[in-house]
N, C-alpha and C. Protein backbone atom coordinates (compact mmCIF):
# COMPACT_ATOMS: atom_id res chain seq x y z
N MET A 1 -2.15 7.80 19.07
CA MET A 1 -2.45 7.97 17.73
C MET A 1 -3.52 7.31 17.79
N LYS A 2 -4.58 8.36 16.01
CA LYS A 2 -5.88 8.01 15.70
C LYS A 2 -5.43 6.16 15.26
N ILE A 3 -6.94 5.78 15.44
CA ILE A 3 -6.74 3.91 14.88
C ILE A 3 -7.26 3.85 14.03
N MET A 4 -7.89 5.58 12.83
CA MET A 4 -7.70 5.61 11.78
C MET A 4 -7.19 6.62 11.16
N ALA A 5 -6.00 5.89 9.95
CA ALA A 5 -5.10 6.80 9.06
C ALA A 5 -6.05 7.31 8.09
N THR A 6 -5.20 8.37 7.56
CA THR A 6 -5.63 9.16 7.32
C THR A 6 -4.78 8.74 5.59
N CYS A 7 -5.69 9.42 3.99
CA CYS A 7 -5.28 8.71 3.28
C CYS A 7 -3.65 9.00 2.77
N LYS A 8 -2.88 10.15 3.13
CA LYS A 8 -1.60 10.31 3.20
C LYS A 8 -0.48 9.54 4.18
N GLU A 9 -1.08 8.98 4.91
CA GLU A 9 -0.32 8.43 5.77
C GLU A 9 -0.77 6.51 5.34
N VAL A 10 -2.04 6.35 4.87
CA VAL A 10 -2.14 5.04 3.91
C VAL A 10 -1.34 4.72 2.60
N SER A 11 -1.26 6.16 2.01
CA SER A 11 -0.26 5.72 0.70
C SER A 11 1.05 5.79 1.25
N GLU A 12 1.74 5.97 2.26
CA GLU A 12 2.91 5.83 2.64
C GLU A 12 3.13 4.52 2.94
N LEU A 13 2.38 3.51 4.06
CA LEU A 13 2.11 2.40 4.22
C LEU A 13 1.68 1.37 3.17
N LEU A 14 1.40 1.70 2.42
CA LEU A 14 1.50 1.35 1.19
C LEU A 14 2.90 0.90 -0.19
N SER A 15 3.33 2.10 -0.29
CA SER A 15 4.65 2.49 -0.46
C SER A 15 5.83 1.75 0.64
N GLN A 16 5.79 1.96 1.60
CA GLN A 16 6.96 1.17 2.61
C GLN A 16 6.15 -0.09 2.87
N GLY A 17 4.83 -0.69 2.65
CA GLY A 17 4.85 -2.54 2.17
C GLY A 17 5.26 -3.33 1.85
N GLN A 18 5.74 -2.33 0.14
CA GLN A 18 6.14 -3.01 -0.89
C GLN A 18 7.57 -3.50 -0.75
N ASP A 19 8.25 -2.62 0.00
CA ASP A 19 9.63 -3.08 0.71
C ASP A 19 10.37 -3.58 2.07
N ARG A 20 9.15 -3.45 3.45
CA ARG A 20 9.41 -3.86 4.17
C ARG A 20 7.97 -5.12 5.07
N GLN A 21 8.50 -5.54 5.73
CA GLN A 21 7.07 -6.25 6.75
C GLN A 21 6.81 -4.84 7.36
N LEU A 22 4.81 -5.04 7.41
CA LEU A 22 5.07 -3.55 8.29
C LEU A 22 3.98 -4.63 9.78
N GLY A 23 4.28 -3.40 10.35
CA GLY A 23 4.35 -4.47 11.98
C GLY A 23 2.41 -4.14 12.35
N ARG A 24 2.27 -5.29 13.16
CA ARG A 24 0.66 -5.32 13.59
C ARG A 24 -0.65 -4.17 13.37
N GLY A 25 0.44 -3.06 14.15
CA GLY A 25 -0.40 -1.83 14.21
C GLY A 25 -0.68 -1.36 12.67
N GLU A 26 0.64 -0.79 11.86
CA GLU A 26 0.32 -0.98 10.87
C GLU A 26 -0.18 -1.11 10.03
N LYS A 27 -0.31 -2.19 9.95
CA LYS A 27 -1.35 -3.10 8.83
C LYS A 27 -3.15 -3.04 9.36
N LEU A 28 -3.32 -3.07 10.64
CA LEU A 28 -4.45 -2.84 11.06
C LEU A 28 -5.18 -1.49 10.78
N ARG A 29 -4.11 -0.66 10.90
CA ARG A 29 -4.71 0.89 10.81
C ARG A 29 -5.04 0.83 9.25
N LEU A 30 -4.22 0.04 7.86
CA LEU A 30 -3.62 0.00 6.79
C LEU A 30 -5.42 -0.44 6.23
N ASN A 31 -5.51 -1.74 6.79
CA ASN A 31 -6.58 -2.49 6.42
C ASN A 31 -8.28 -1.61 6.74
N LEU A 32 -7.93 -1.09 8.07
CA LEU A 32 -9.43 -0.66 8.83
C LEU A 32 -9.92 0.78 7.60
N HIS A 33 -8.98 1.30 6.95
CA HIS A 33 -8.91 2.77 6.10
C HIS A 33 -9.71 2.05 5.09
N LEU A 34 -8.14 0.98 4.49
CA LEU A 34 -8.79 0.23 3.02
C LEU A 34 -10.31 -0.33 2.97
N LEU A 35 -10.54 -0.49 3.81
CA LEU A 35 -12.27 -1.04 4.25
C LEU A 35 -13.40 0.15 3.54
N VAL A 36 -12.62 0.95 3.80
CA VAL A 36 -13.95 2.55 3.56
C VAL A 36 -13.08 3.51 2.20
N CYS A 37 -12.19 3.12 2.33
CA CYS A 37 -11.56 4.24 1.07
C CYS A 37 -11.32 3.71 -0.44
N LYS A 38 -12.20 4.14 -1.35
CA LYS A 38 -11.86 3.66 -2.19
C LYS A 38 -10.47 3.91 -3.30
N GLY A 39 -10.24 5.16 -2.94
CA GLY A 39 -9.39 5.86 -3.58
C GLY A 39 -8.36 5.23 -3.17
N CYS A 40 -8.09 5.05 -1.89
CA CYS A 40 -6.60 4.17 -1.71
C CYS A 40 -6.53 2.47 -1.77
N ARG A 41 -7.43 1.90 -2.13
CA ARG A 41 -7.47 0.53 -3.11
C ARG A 41 -7.39 0.88 -4.04
N ASN A 42 -7.46 1.63 -4.47
CA ASN A 42 -7.12 1.66 -6.38
C ASN A 42 -5.50 2.20 -6.28
N PHE A 43 -5.07 2.87 -5.17
CA PHE A 43 -3.83 2.92 -5.13
C PHE A 43 -2.73 2.21 -5.16
N GLY A 44 -3.31 1.87 -3.97
CA GLY A 44 -2.70 0.08 -4.19
C GLY A 44 -2.53 -0.71 -4.60
N ASP A 45 -3.49 -1.23 -5.73
CA ASP A 45 -3.78 -1.45 -7.18
C ASP A 45 -2.54 -1.25 -7.91
N GLN A 46 -2.40 -0.40 -8.02
CA GLN A 46 -1.30 0.60 -8.54
C GLN A 46 -0.62 0.59 -8.52
N ILE A 47 0.21 0.01 -7.79
CA ILE A 47 1.23 0.12 -6.84
C ILE A 47 1.61 -1.37 -6.94
N VAL A 48 0.83 -2.18 -7.29
CA VAL A 48 0.90 -3.59 -7.26
C VAL A 48 1.57 -4.07 -8.29
N PHE A 49 0.85 -3.53 -9.58
CA PHE A 49 0.64 -3.83 -11.02
C PHE A 49 2.22 -2.93 -11.34
N ILE A 50 2.05 -1.43 -11.13
CA ILE A 50 3.28 -0.82 -11.34
C ILE A 50 4.73 -1.73 -10.98
N ARG A 51 4.51 -2.72 -9.49
CA ARG A 51 5.84 -3.19 -9.30
C ARG A 51 6.13 -4.28 -10.63
N ALA A 52 5.14 -4.74 -10.59
CA ALA A 52 5.13 -6.28 -11.23
C ALA A 52 5.54 -5.88 -12.94
N ALA A 53 4.75 -4.72 -13.11
CA ALA A 53 5.43 -4.52 -14.68
C ALA A 53 6.77 -3.96 -14.70
N MET A 54 7.32 -3.45 -13.65
CA MET A 54 8.57 -3.15 -13.57
C MET A 54 9.69 -4.15 -14.18
N LYS A 55 9.02 -5.16 -12.97
CA LYS A 55 9.94 -6.70 -12.35
C LYS A 55 10.28 -6.77 -13.56
N ARG A 56 8.75 -7.39 -14.67
CA ARG A 56 8.70 -7.89 -16.01
C ARG A 56 9.68 -7.38 -16.73
N TYR A 57 9.57 -6.06 -16.64
CA TYR A 57 10.70 -5.19 -17.64
C TYR A 57 11.96 -5.97 -17.81
N VAL A 58 12.02 -5.46 -16.44
CA VAL A 58 13.92 -5.77 -15.81
C VAL A 58 14.00 -7.05 -16.31
N GLU A 59 13.49 -8.29 -16.06
CA GLU A 59 13.65 -9.41 -16.29
C GLU A 59 13.94 -9.62 -18.07
N ARG A 60 12.90 -9.19 -18.70
CA ARG A 60 13.14 -9.40 -20.28
C ARG A 60 14.55 -8.45 -21.06
N GLY A 61 15.34 -7.93 -19.48
CA GLY A 61 16.47 -6.98 -20.49
C GLY A 61 16.78 -6.37 -20.73
């Protein structure tokens, strides 16, 4: 296994991390990549924003 994850792998981990606890190795690979990739950091921020917006929408009924 490579230590540095690809953008595709990181996008999958970011999505999966919304629904389950990531393992230590997954977190390490994710965080190392996010240190150097602004695009993936932005994608992660967008996922968090969309999930929060959908939660607010559902709560309103």
